[in-house]
Protein backbone atom coordinates (compact mmCIF):
# COMPACT_ATOMS: atom_id res chain seq x y z
CA MET A 1 107.50 105.02 80.84
CA LEU A 2 108.99 104.04 77.11
CA SER A 3 108.85 107.48 75.27
CA ALA A 4 110.09 110.76 76.22
CA TYR A 5 111.29 114.49 74.55
CA SER A 6 114.59 115.16 73.42
CA ASN A 7 116.11 118.54 73.56
CA GLU A 8 114.60 119.44 70.25
CA LYS A 9 111.12 118.56 71.50
CA GLU A 10 111.31 115.23 69.40
CA ILE A 11 109.40 112.21 70.73
CA VAL A 12 111.93 109.44 71.31
CA THR A 13 110.69 106.01 72.06
CA LEU A 14 113.04 102.99 73.06
CA LEU A 15 111.15 100.41 71.41
CA HIS A 16 112.71 98.78 68.45
CA ARG A 17 116.35 99.66 69.80
CA SER A 18 119.04 97.48 70.87
CA ARG A 19 120.29 97.64 74.32
CA LYS A 20 123.67 99.01 72.35
CA GLU A 21 121.73 101.83 70.77
CA ILE A 22 119.91 102.82 74.22
CA GLN A 23 123.29 102.81 75.93
CA GLN A 24 124.48 105.37 73.71
CA LEU A 25 121.41 107.59 74.07
CA LYS A 26 121.89 107.78 78.02
CA GLU A 27 124.29 110.83 77.75
CA GLN A 28 121.70 113.14 76.00
CA PRO A 29 118.82 114.99 77.97
CA PHE A 30 115.62 113.56 77.84
CA PHE A 31 112.55 115.43 79.39
CA CYS A 32 108.92 113.85 80.61
CA PRO A 33 106.15 114.54 78.04
CA ILE A 34 103.78 115.38 80.82
CA CYS A 35 105.54 117.63 83.51
CA GLY A 36 108.69 118.77 81.33
CA SER A 37 110.93 117.46 84.11
CA PRO A 38 114.43 115.52 83.36
CA VAL A 39 114.08 111.84 82.84
CA GLN A 40 117.04 109.36 82.65
CA ILE A 41 117.20 106.09 80.39
CA LYS A 42 117.37 102.92 82.52
CA ASN A 43 119.01 100.05 80.97
CA GLY A 44 119.53 97.62 83.51
CA LYS A 45 119.21 93.72 83.03
CA VAL A 46 115.91 93.03 84.89
CA LYS A 47 113.41 95.39 83.30
CA ILE A 48 112.83 96.45 79.86
CA PRO A 49 114.52 99.66 78.93
CA HIS A 50 112.80 102.87 79.99
CA PHE A 51 112.68 106.46 81.08
CA SER A 52 112.48 107.23 84.83
CA HIS A 53 112.36 110.43 86.34
CA THR A 54 115.63 112.02 87.58
CA TYR A 55 114.30 113.35 90.72
CA GLN A 56 111.18 112.52 92.79
CA ASN A 57 108.63 114.76 91.85
CA ALA A 58 104.75 114.93 91.77
CA CYS A 59 104.33 113.84 87.91
CA GLU A 60 101.15 111.69 88.46
CA SER A 61 101.83 109.10 85.63
CA THR A 62 105.40 108.28 86.80
CA SER A 63 106.04 109.18 90.36
CA LYS A 64 105.85 105.25 91.72
CA GLY A 65 107.82 103.97 88.99
CA GLU A 66 106.84 101.27 86.62
CA THR A 67 106.79 97.75 87.33
CA GLN A 68 108.55 95.10 84.98
CA GLU A 69 104.98 93.86 84.30
CA HIS A 70 103.55 96.98 83.25
CA LEU A 71 106.33 97.63 80.46
CA ALA A 72 106.36 94.29 79.17
CA LEU A 73 102.54 94.55 78.69
CA LYS A 74 102.72 97.85 76.84
CA LYS A 75 105.43 96.38 74.69
CA MET A 76 103.42 93.08 73.95
CA PHE A 77 100.47 95.38 73.10
CA VAL A 78 102.40 97.88 70.69
CA ALA A 79 104.17 94.67 68.81
CA TRP A 80 100.51 93.11 68.42
CA CYS A 81 99.29 96.61 66.99
CA GLU A 82 102.49 96.34 64.50
CA ARG A 83 101.68 93.09 63.42
CA GLU A 84 98.18 93.95 62.68
CA GLY A 85 99.35 97.06 60.69
CA ARG A 86 96.99 99.22 63.11
CA ASN A 87 97.69 102.86 63.89
CA TYR A 88 98.63 103.66 67.54
CA GLU A 89 100.11 106.18 69.75
CA LEU A 90 102.26 104.85 72.55
CA GLU A 91 102.03 106.78 75.84
CA LYS A 92 100.14 109.56 74.06
CA TYR A 93 99.75 112.65 76.34
CA LEU A 94 96.36 114.38 75.69
CA PRO A 95 96.71 117.89 77.07
CA SER A 96 93.13 118.84 77.21
CA LEU A 97 92.57 115.69 79.40
CA ASN A 98 95.63 116.02 81.30
CA GLN A 99 95.91 112.20 81.08
CA ARG A 100 98.30 109.72 79.10
CA PRO A 101 96.90 106.35 78.01
CA ASP A 102 99.27 103.49 78.02
CA LEU A 103 97.94 103.17 74.11
CA LEU A 104 95.42 105.14 72.08
CA ILE A 105 94.24 103.15 69.23
CA GLY A 106 91.92 105.77 67.53
CA LYS A 107 89.20 106.47 70.23
CA ARG A 108 90.21 103.60 72.48
CA ALA A 109 92.38 104.25 75.21
CA VAL A 110 93.96 101.25 76.62
CA GLU A 111 94.88 101.63 80.16
CA ILE A 112 97.33 98.87 81.62
CA GLN A 113 96.60 98.33 85.47
CA CYS A 114 99.18 96.64 87.19
CA SER A 115 99.47 97.99 90.77
CA PRO A 116 96.86 99.68 93.09
CA LEU A 117 94.83 102.57 92.36
CA SER A 118 92.32 104.64 94.49
CA VAL A 119 88.80 104.19 93.47
CA SER A 120 88.09 107.70 93.38
CA ARG A 121 91.21 108.51 90.96
CA LEU A 122 89.87 105.31 88.57
CA ILE A 123 86.73 107.21 88.51
CA GLU A 124 87.94 110.38 87.79
CA ARG A 125 90.18 109.34 85.23
CA ASN A 126 87.52 107.21 83.43
CA ASN A 127 84.81 110.04 83.51
CA VAL A 128 87.32 112.58 81.81
CA TYR A 129 88.06 109.82 78.92
CA GLN A 130 84.38 109.56 78.39
CA ASP A 131 83.46 113.24 78.52
CA HIS A 132 86.06 113.57 75.68
CA GLU A 133 84.23 110.75 73.77
CA TYR A 134 87.39 108.07 74.41
CA GLN A 135 86.38 104.57 75.22
CA PRO A 136 88.31 103.54 78.15
CA ILE A 137 89.73 100.02 78.22
CA TRP A 138 91.02 98.82 81.52
CA ILE A 139 93.43 95.79 81.56
CA CYS A 140 94.58 94.45 84.45
CA GLY A 141 97.83 92.59 85.15
CA LYS A 142 98.30 89.11 86.24
CA LYS A 143 99.35 90.09 89.75
CA LEU A 144 96.42 92.31 90.30
CA VAL A 145 93.97 90.26 89.49
CA ASN A 146 95.35 87.02 90.89
CA GLY A 147 93.43 84.34 89.22
CA LEU A 148 90.13 86.49 90.28
CA LYS A 149 90.02 84.43 93.76
CA SER A 150 88.34 87.37 95.17
CA LEU A 151 87.33 90.93 94.14
CA ASN A 152 88.73 93.78 95.99
CA GLU A 153 87.26 97.17 95.58
CA LEU A 154 89.37 98.29 92.79
CA ILE A 155 88.79 95.32 90.88
CA LYS A 156 84.93 95.28 91.20
CA HIS A 157 85.00 98.73 89.81
CA LEU A 158 87.19 97.70 86.76
CA CYS A 159 84.46 95.53 85.89
CA ASN A 160 82.39 96.29 82.95
CA TYR A 161 78.95 94.77 81.30
CA SER A 162 77.31 93.48 78.37
CA GLN A 163 74.06 92.16 78.03
CA ASN A 164 75.64 89.19 76.47
CA LEU A 165 78.24 88.35 78.81
CA GLY A 166 77.13 89.69 82.34
CA PHE A 167 79.77 91.39 84.09
CA TYR A 168 83.25 90.95 82.75
CA LEU A 169 87.11 92.05 83.30
CA TRP A 170 89.95 92.13 81.11
CA SER A 171 93.49 90.82 82.31
CA ALA A 172 96.82 90.17 80.53
CA ASP A 173 99.93 87.74 81.35
CA TRP A 174 103.14 89.45 79.88
CA GLN A 175 104.95 86.22 80.52
CA THR A 176 102.34 83.84 78.29
CA LYS A 177 101.76 86.82 76.00
CA GLU A 178 97.92 86.21 76.77
CA VAL A 179 94.78 88.26 77.17
CA THR A 180 92.10 86.87 79.14
CA LEU A 181 88.44 87.84 79.32
CA TYR A 182 86.82 86.90 82.56
CA PHE A 183 82.92 86.96 82.14
CA HIS A 184 79.51 86.09 83.72
CA ILE A 185 81.26 87.07 86.99
CA GLU A 186 79.18 86.23 89.92
CA GLU A 187 79.66 86.43 93.90
CA ASP A 188 78.09 84.27 96.63
CA TRP A 189 77.28 85.34 100.13
CA LYS A 190 80.81 84.41 101.21
CA LYS A 191 82.45 86.65 98.19
CA ARG A 192 83.45 83.39 96.47
CA VAL A 193 83.78 84.27 92.82
CA TYR A 194 82.64 82.32 89.95
CA ALA A 195 83.53 83.21 86.49
CA ALA A 196 83.99 81.62 82.93
CA CYS A 197 87.03 82.94 80.77
CA ARG A 198 88.07 83.19 77.12
CA THR A 199 91.81 83.53 76.57
CA TRP A 200 93.50 84.89 73.26
CA SER A 201 97.22 84.80 72.20
CA ALA A 202 98.59 88.19 71.34
CA ASP A 203 100.63 86.23 68.69
CA THR A 204 97.67 85.08 66.83
CA ALA A 205 94.62 86.55 67.71
CA SER A 206 92.66 89.91 66.15
CA LEU A 207 92.86 92.91 68.47
CA THR A 208 89.90 94.13 67.01
CA GLU A 209 87.66 91.22 67.31
CA ILE A 210 88.86 90.79 71.21
CA PHE A 211 87.67 94.31 72.03
CA LYS A 212 84.30 93.35 70.19
CA PHE A 213 84.09 90.17 72.12
CA PRO A 214 81.92 91.55 75.03
CA THR A 215 79.35 92.96 72.90
CA GLU A 216 79.46 91.07 69.72
CA ALA A 217 79.87 87.43 70.78
CA LEU A 218 76.99 85.02 70.37
CA ILE A 219 77.77 82.92 73.27
CA TYR A 220 75.28 81.16 75.70
CA HIS A 221 76.91 80.21 79.05
CA GLN A 222 75.09 78.54 82.11
CA ARG A 223 76.26 77.79 85.50
CA LYS A 224 74.68 75.26 88.08
CA TYR A 225 74.56 75.80 91.75
CA GLN A 226 73.62 73.42 94.53
CA LEU A 227 70.76 75.99 95.52
CA GLY A 228 69.86 74.36 98.87
CA GLN A 229 73.54 74.46 100.14
CA LEU A 230 73.99 77.83 99.21
CA ILE A 231 70.75 79.35 100.82
CA SER A 232 71.41 77.03 104.08
CA ASP A 233 75.10 78.02 104.47
CA TYR A 234 74.33 81.57 103.94
CA TYR A 235 71.43 81.43 106.59
CA THR A 236 73.54 79.81 108.90
CA GLU A 237 76.09 82.60 108.33
CA LEU A 238 73.48 85.14 109.12
CA ASN A 239 72.67 83.65 112.46
CA ARG A 240 76.31 83.29 113.44
CA LYS A 241 77.12 87.02 112.55
CA LEU A 242 73.69 88.14 114.62
CA ILE A 243 75.04 86.12 117.63
CA LYS A 244 78.57 87.73 117.37
CA LYS A 245 76.74 91.31 116.69
CA GLU A 246 79.18 91.89 113.32
CA GLY A 247 79.03 95.43 112.76
CA GLN A 248 77.61 95.37 109.04
CA LEU A 249 74.85 92.97 109.84
CA ARG A 250 73.63 95.25 113.19
CA VAL A 251 73.20 98.08 110.54
CA VAL A 252 71.15 95.87 108.23
CA GLN A 253 68.99 94.51 111.26
CA GLY A 254 68.78 98.02 112.56
CA VAL A 255 66.87 98.82 109.09
CA LEU A 256 64.85 95.72 109.11
CA TYR A 257 63.80 96.13 112.56
CA ASN A 258 62.26 99.64 111.86
CA ASN A 259 60.25 98.14 109.47
CA HIS A 260 59.01 95.03 111.94
CA LEU A 261 61.38 92.68 110.15
CA HIS A 262 64.06 90.42 111.58
CA VAL A 263 67.01 88.95 109.52
CA LEU A 264 66.29 85.34 110.31
CA GLN A 265 62.43 85.56 110.12
CA LEU A 266 62.33 86.99 106.68
CA PRO A 267 60.26 86.12 103.60
CA TYR A 268 62.05 83.40 101.79
CA TRP A 269 62.78 85.45 98.63
CA PHE A 270 65.42 87.55 101.04
CA TYR A 271 67.56 84.46 101.16
CA TYR A 272 66.86 83.25 97.74
CA PRO A 273 69.27 82.29 95.89
CA GLY A 274 72.34 82.87 97.93
CA ILE A 275 74.05 84.38 95.09
CA HIS A 276 74.75 88.10 95.89
CA LEU A 277 73.56 90.76 93.61
CA PHE A 278 76.76 91.81 92.26
CA CYS A 279 76.18 95.42 91.80
CA CYS A 280 75.22 95.92 95.57
CA ARG A 281 78.10 97.49 98.10
CA GLY A 282 77.71 95.54 101.12
CA SER A 283 74.62 93.32 101.83
CA ASP A 284 71.89 93.12 99.12
CA LEU A 285 69.29 92.88 102.17
CA LEU A 286 68.99 96.61 102.29
CA LEU A 287 67.96 96.49 98.64
CA LYS A 288 65.65 93.63 98.83
CA GLU A 289 64.11 95.44 102.19
CA ARG A 290 63.23 98.28 99.95
CA ILE A 291 61.77 96.12 97.00
CA TRP A 292 59.86 94.29 99.79
CA LYS A 293 58.05 97.33 100.68
CA TRP A 294 57.13 97.93 96.97
CA VAL A 295 55.70 94.08 96.71
CA GLN A 296 53.70 94.83 100.15
CA PHE A 297 52.32 98.07 98.95
CA PHE A 298 51.15 97.04 95.40
CA ASP A 299 49.98 93.43 97.17
CA GLN A 300 47.39 91.81 94.91
CA ASN A 301 47.48 94.33 92.18
CA VAL A 302 48.04 93.27 88.58
CA PHE A 303 50.50 95.33 86.55
CA ARG A 304 50.64 95.02 82.57
CA PRO A 305 54.29 93.77 81.96
CA LYS A 306 55.58 97.23 80.82
CA GLU A 307 53.98 99.00 83.78
CA LEU A 308 55.63 96.33 86.02
CA GLU A 309 59.06 96.97 84.47
CA SER A 310 58.67 100.87 84.92
CA SER A 311 57.74 100.66 88.28
CA LEU A 312 60.38 98.14 89.75
CA LYS A 313 63.00 100.21 88.01
CA SER A 314 61.48 103.41 89.52
CA GLN A 315 62.41 101.48 93.14
CA ILE A 316 65.85 100.56 91.79
CA ALA A 317 66.55 104.12 90.87
CA LYS A 318 65.84 105.24 94.24
CA SER A 319 68.39 102.73 95.81
CA ALA A 320 71.24 103.79 93.61
CA GLU A 321 73.43 104.81 96.82
CA LEU A 322 73.47 100.91 97.84
CA PHE A 323 75.23 100.42 94.63
CA TYR A 324 78.98 100.27 93.27
CA GLU A 325 79.73 103.29 91.34
CA PHE A 326 81.18 101.36 88.24
CA PRO A 327 82.60 104.09 86.40
CA ALA A 328 82.50 102.16 83.06
CA ILE A 329 79.01 100.76 83.35
CA PRO A 330 76.20 103.35 82.54
CA PHE A 331 73.50 103.21 85.45
CA ALA A 332 70.80 102.31 83.08
CA GLN A 333 72.83 98.93 82.46
CA LEU A 334 72.75 98.40 86.19
CA GLN A 335 69.15 99.17 86.32
CA ASP A 336 68.49 96.12 83.70
CA TYR A 337 70.53 94.02 85.25
CA CYS A 338 69.15 94.24 88.80
CA PHE A 339 65.42 94.59 87.18
CA ALA A 340 66.13 91.04 85.44
CA GLN A 341 67.66 89.33 88.69
CA LEU A 342 64.95 90.82 91.24
CA PHE A 343 62.08 89.95 88.81
CA ASN A 344 63.24 86.44 87.96
CA GLN A 345 64.01 85.99 91.88
CA LEU A 346 60.20 87.58 92.73
CA VAL A 347 58.92 84.98 90.09
CA ASP A 348 60.64 82.01 91.47
CA CYS A 349 59.49 82.81 94.89
CA HIS A 350 55.76 83.16 93.89
CA HIS A 351 55.68 86.90 94.66
CA LEU A 352 54.91 87.65 91.29
CA ILE A 353 52.13 85.40 89.52
CA ARG A 354 51.48 85.30 85.85
CA THR A 355 47.88 86.09 84.70
CA THR A 356 46.06 86.36 81.56
CA THR A 357 46.76 90.35 81.60
CA GLY A 358 49.87 90.86 83.16
CA TRP A 359 51.74 90.03 86.57
CA LYS A 360 49.82 89.89 89.78
CA VAL A 361 51.84 90.89 93.18
CA ASN A 362 51.54 88.65 95.96
CA ALA A 363 53.23 89.28 99.33
CA GLY A 364 51.96 86.12 101.21
CA LYS A 365 53.55 86.07 104.61
CA SER A 366 55.44 88.92 105.77
CA VAL A 367 57.28 87.06 108.52
CA GLN A 368 58.37 83.48 108.80
CA SER A 369 59.41 81.86 111.77
CA MET A 370 62.73 80.34 112.20
CA VAL A 371 61.05 77.08 112.38
CA GLU A 372 59.38 77.59 109.02
CA VAL A 373 62.54 78.73 107.62
CA ASN A 374 64.37 75.66 108.49
CA LYS A 375 61.51 73.20 107.16
CA TRP A 376 61.88 75.32 103.60
CA LEU A 377 65.58 74.89 103.69
CA LYS A 378 64.93 71.07 103.91
CA ARG A 379 62.66 71.23 101.04
CA ILE A 380 64.99 72.84 98.72
CA LYS A 381 67.84 70.85 99.82
CA ASN A 382 68.51 69.14 96.72
CA ARG A 383 67.27 71.80 94.36
CA ARG A 384 69.80 73.31 91.77
CA LEU A 385 70.13 76.80 90.75
CA ASN A 386 70.66 77.54 86.81
CA SER A 387 72.38 80.84 86.38
CA ALA A 388 72.98 81.72 82.78
CA THR A 389 74.25 84.62 80.23
CA PRO A 390 72.39 86.35 78.47
CA TYR A 391 70.07 86.51 81.45
CA ARG A 392 66.60 85.17 81.02
CA SER A 393 63.92 87.38 80.29
CA MET A 394 60.29 86.15 81.43
CA ILE A 395 58.34 89.59 81.61
CA LEU A 396 56.70 89.66 77.92
């Protein structure tokens, strides 16, 4: 940490002090703003000068020590605020929350996450901020994000969502002094990550404009996939996992079997479009199986647009336990995202057909033989999928 209490209960920060000045402070006693335990100044040549607990204790915010990356990023954001003449509070302890954001800018609580954190603790901290009307902004260090090559549990739960940009994630690089927003984040069946990105320099960009970008940016981004190849690879992998009796797929097959379905003989819609529903924990086949029951139940029924939206969203709400918790995203937004994806997929696969009065539900064949599936895969071999933000809406 960069700030501590003196013997006189005054806050002392090491920012804007020379190493010589900091060295002169080393003989004075200082105390942790949270737990009150003694802290000492570390003024080595590798890390930025900082306070560290004298003894190992249970102080949650600092017991593991801070990395050079974390300290440097806090210093970078402080310099950014000062360049813009923005009021901020560094490492401000909030007693009513029992939390200390790295930086408090008005009601924005900026948390810089450079090391692993349990998902349960992330959710707890995020909920506390929101319950007290603070807006938490989680910014990942470069090492934690690792170029967004994959999404572990923590990184996935740190994602946010906007209608304009889809799922997005903040990251910062202390060496280049840049902030990057990864957006329109998607995954395929193999957990390969696809994302667009926008980068700003801490020396020139406006912090206010950056934080507003996800909700206010007027940007259209599209991504094209080789649809046939994606689905063909997905189907082949399902077959391989089934033969090897892979644990997760056995669970999925058990659910399907109880409903007279087989993982390799499903209606085409189950495999389409080869891009994983981002909010689903594990296989999205479990969610699609529940939606398929809805399709079968209402087969040949015609819904007015708003009635269709309400009915499908109700089915999504009943499946909430299949989703990641996403502490920064209200469930209503996840519901909107899921509805848009499922609706468009059902239309593309002709299970929802436009009529003069609304949308007709059309189940068609409930079981496809492996021969039929393979013929379908050949037919779509050269087709491409266009994925875009904002998500297209066809319901009205």
